[in-house]
C-alpha atoms as a PDB file:
ATOM      1  CA  MET A   1       0.027  -0.025   0.060  1.00  0.00           C
ATOM      2  CA  PRO A   2       2.861   2.471   0.663  1.00  0.00           C
ATOM      3  CA  GLY A   3       3.991   1.998  -2.927  1.00  0.00           C
ATOM      4  CA  LEU A   4       0.511   2.745  -4.213  1.00  0.00           C
ATOM      5  CA  LEU A   5       0.244   5.962  -2.051  1.00  0.00           C
ATOM      6  CA  ARG A   6       3.619   7.037  -3.217  1.00  0.00           C
ATOM      7  CA  GLY A   7       2.655   6.634  -6.849  1.00  0.00           C
ATOM      8  CA  VAL A   8      -0.669   8.444  -6.318  1.00  0.00           C
ATOM      9  CA  ALA A   9       1.167  11.279  -4.448  1.00  0.00           C
ATOM     10  CA  ARG A  10       3.858  11.445  -7.293  1.00  0.00           C
ATOM     11  CA  THR A  11       1.109  11.600  -9.842  1.00  0.00           C
ATOM     12  CA  ALA A  12      -0.647  14.368  -8.057  1.00  0.00           C
ATOM     13  CA  VAL A  13       2.551  16.455  -7.713  1.00  0.00           C
ATOM     14  CA  VAL A  14       3.389  15.970 -11.346  1.00  0.00           C
ATOM     15  CA  ALA A  15      -0.167  16.792 -12.454  1.00  0.00           C
ATOM     16  CA  GLY A  16      -0.272  19.854 -10.188  1.00  0.00           C
ATOM     17  CA  THR A  17       3.092  21.069 -11.431  1.00  0.00           C
ATOM     18  CA  ALA A  18       2.057  20.512 -15.000  1.00  0.00           C
ATOM     19  CA  THR A  19      -1.145  22.460 -14.461  1.00  0.00           C
ATOM     20  CA  ALA A  20       0.661  25.353 -12.844  1.00  0.00           C
ATOM     21  CA  VAL A  21       3.306  25.528 -15.568  1.00  0.00           C
ATOM     22  CA  SER A  22       0.598  25.309 -18.268  1.00  0.00           C
ATOM     23  CA  ASN A  23      -1.459  28.047 -16.737  1.00  0.00           C
ATOM     24  CA  ARG A  24       1.596  30.240 -16.467  1.00  0.00           C
ATOM     25  CA  VAL A  25       2.552  29.771 -20.078  1.00  0.00           C
ATOM     26  CA  SER A  26      -1.047  30.511 -21.117  1.00  0.00           C
ATOM     27  CA  ARG A  27      -1.012  33.711 -19.274  1.00  0.00           C
ATOM     28  CA  ARG A  28       2.421  34.798 -20.646  1.00  0.00           C
ATOM     29  CA  GLN A  29       1.329  33.898 -24.158  1.00  0.00           C
ATOM     30  CA  ALA A  30      -1.994  35.844 -23.794  1.00  0.00           C
ATOM     31  CA  GLY A  31       0.073  38.815 -22.616  1.00  0.00           C
ATOM     32  CA  ARG A  32       2.380  38.628 -25.499  1.00  0.00           C
ATOM     33  CA  TRP A  33      -0.545  38.454 -27.990  1.00  0.00           C
ATOM     34  CA  ALA A  34      -2.148  41.414 -26.305  1.00  0.00           C
ATOM     35  CA  GLN A  35       1.112  43.360 -26.578  1.00  0.00           C
ATOM     36  CA  GLN A  36       1.565  42.415 -30.252  1.00  0.00           C
ATOM     37  CA  GLU A  37      -2.071  43.516 -30.988  1.00  0.00           C
ATOM     38  CA  SER A  38      -1.347  46.896 -29.407  1.00  0.00           C
ATOM     39  CA  TYR A  39       1.685  47.281 -31.638  1.00  0.00           C
ATOM     40  CA  ALA A  40      -0.163  46.073 -34.726  1.00  0.00           C
ATOM     41  CA  GLU A  41      -3.041  48.456 -34.420  1.00  0.00           C
ATOM     42  CA  PRO A  42      -3.358  49.920 -37.972  1.00  0.00           C
ATOM     43  CA  ALA A  43      -2.628  53.561 -38.306  1.00  0.00           C
ATOM     44  CA  PRO A  44      -5.554  55.713 -39.180  1.00  0.00           C
ATOM     45  CA  ALA A  45      -6.051  55.953 -42.812  1.00  0.00           C
ATOM     46  CA  ALA A  46      -4.642  59.119 -44.416  1.00  0.00           C
ATOM     47  CA  PRO A  47      -7.299  61.320 -45.949  1.00  0.00           C
ATOM     48  CA  ALA A  48      -7.682  60.646 -49.694  1.00  0.00           C
ATOM     49  CA  ALA A  49      -5.976  63.206 -51.730  1.00  0.00           C
ATOM     50  CA  PRO A  50      -8.366  65.386 -53.716  1.00  0.00           C
ATOM     51  CA  PRO A  51      -8.583  64.596 -57.298  1.00  0.00           C
ATOM     52  CA  PRO A  52      -6.360  66.828 -59.433  1.00  0.00           C
ATOM     53  CA  ALA A  53      -8.140  69.894 -60.678  1.00  0.00           C
ATOM     54  CA  ALA A  54      -9.122  69.840 -64.302  1.00  0.00           C
ATOM     55  CA  ALA A  55      -7.089  72.073 -66.488  1.00  0.00           C
ATOM     56  CA  PRO A  56      -8.835  75.369 -66.981  1.00  0.00           C
ATOM     57  CA  THR A  57     -10.373  75.985 -70.333  1.00  0.00           C
ATOM     58  CA  MET A  58      -9.341  78.727 -72.640  1.00  0.00           C
ATOM     59  CA  GLU A  59     -12.448  80.573 -71.699  1.00  0.00           C
ATOM     60  CA  GLU A  60     -11.550  80.400 -68.006  1.00  0.00           C
ATOM     61  CA  LYS A  61      -7.933  81.573 -68.765  1.00  0.00           C
ATOM     62  CA  LEU A  62      -9.298  84.509 -70.687  1.00  0.00           C
ATOM     63  CA  ASP A  63     -11.588  85.512 -67.750  1.00  0.00           C
ATOM     64  CA  GLN A  64      -8.672  85.310 -65.388  1.00  0.00           C
ATOM     65  CA  LEU A  65      -6.556  87.480 -67.666  1.00  0.00           C
ATOM     66  CA  LYS A  66      -9.339  90.008 -67.960  1.00  0.00           C
ATOM     67  CA  ASP A  67      -9.592  90.099 -64.144  1.00  0.00           C
ATOM     68  CA  LEU A  68      -5.732  90.580 -63.853  1.00  0.00           C
ATOM     69  CA  ALA A  69      -5.844  93.404 -66.441  1.00  0.00           C
ATOM     70  CA  THR A  70      -8.592  95.131 -64.434  1.00  0.00           C
ATOM     71  CA  LEU A  71      -6.497  94.965 -61.233  1.00  0.00           C
ATOM     72  CA  LYS A  72      -3.452  96.258 -63.100  1.00  0.00           C
ATOM     73  CA  ASP A  73      -5.456  99.140 -64.467  1.00  0.00           C
ATOM     74  CA  GLN A  74      -6.714  99.927 -61.022  1.00  0.00           C
ATOM     75  CA  GLY A  75      -3.250 100.024 -59.769  1.00  0.00           C
ATOM     76  CA  VAL A  76      -3.524  96.945 -57.502  1.00  0.00           C
ATOM     77  CA  LEU A  77      -0.959  95.060 -59.513  1.00  0.00           C
ATOM     78  CA  THR A  78       2.334  96.215 -60.716  1.00  0.00           C
ATOM     79  CA  GLU A  79       3.548  95.404 -64.204  1.00  0.00           C
ATOM     80  CA  GLU A  80       5.860  92.681 -62.822  1.00  0.00           C
ATOM     81  CA  GLU A  81       3.013  91.068 -60.772  1.00  0.00           C
ATOM     82  CA  PHE A  82       0.751  91.186 -63.825  1.00  0.00           C
ATOM     83  CA  ALA A  83       3.419  89.592 -65.995  1.00  0.00           C
ATOM     84  CA  ALA A  84       4.085  86.751 -63.282  1.00  0.00           C
ATOM     85  CA  GLN A  85       0.411  86.028 -62.980  1.00  0.00           C
ATOM     86  CA  LYS A  86      -0.184  86.110 -66.768  1.00  0.00           C
ATOM     87  CA  ALA A  87       2.749  83.638 -67.232  1.00  0.00           C
ATOM     88  CA  ARG A  88       1.299  81.334 -64.433  1.00  0.00           C
ATOM     89  CA  ILE A  89      -2.158  81.371 -66.091  1.00  0.00           C
ATOM     90  CA  LEU A  90      -0.900  80.758 -69.625  1.00  0.00           C
ATOM     91  CA  GLY A  91       1.588  78.180 -68.537  1.00  0.00           C
ATOM     92  CA  SER A  92      -1.126  76.034 -66.781  1.00  0.00           C
END
């Protein structure tokens, strides 16, 4: 009978130790997964870039040039500023 009790006791100790180790490993693994998930959170999506503006039509360019000429005649724009804006409008 002492051999049987020793066998049962040994089995209980081994089973208890195995359960404790298994629980500890499970907790550590769950902690690591939680940590990885916090690192792997996707960054917020960048706002979509607006579509490129359509090239102005010749009519729109002429209207802009007329507005610029009016501003130059009123003395709001200098000759250099008018020339720079005119080049920008015609170059686009």
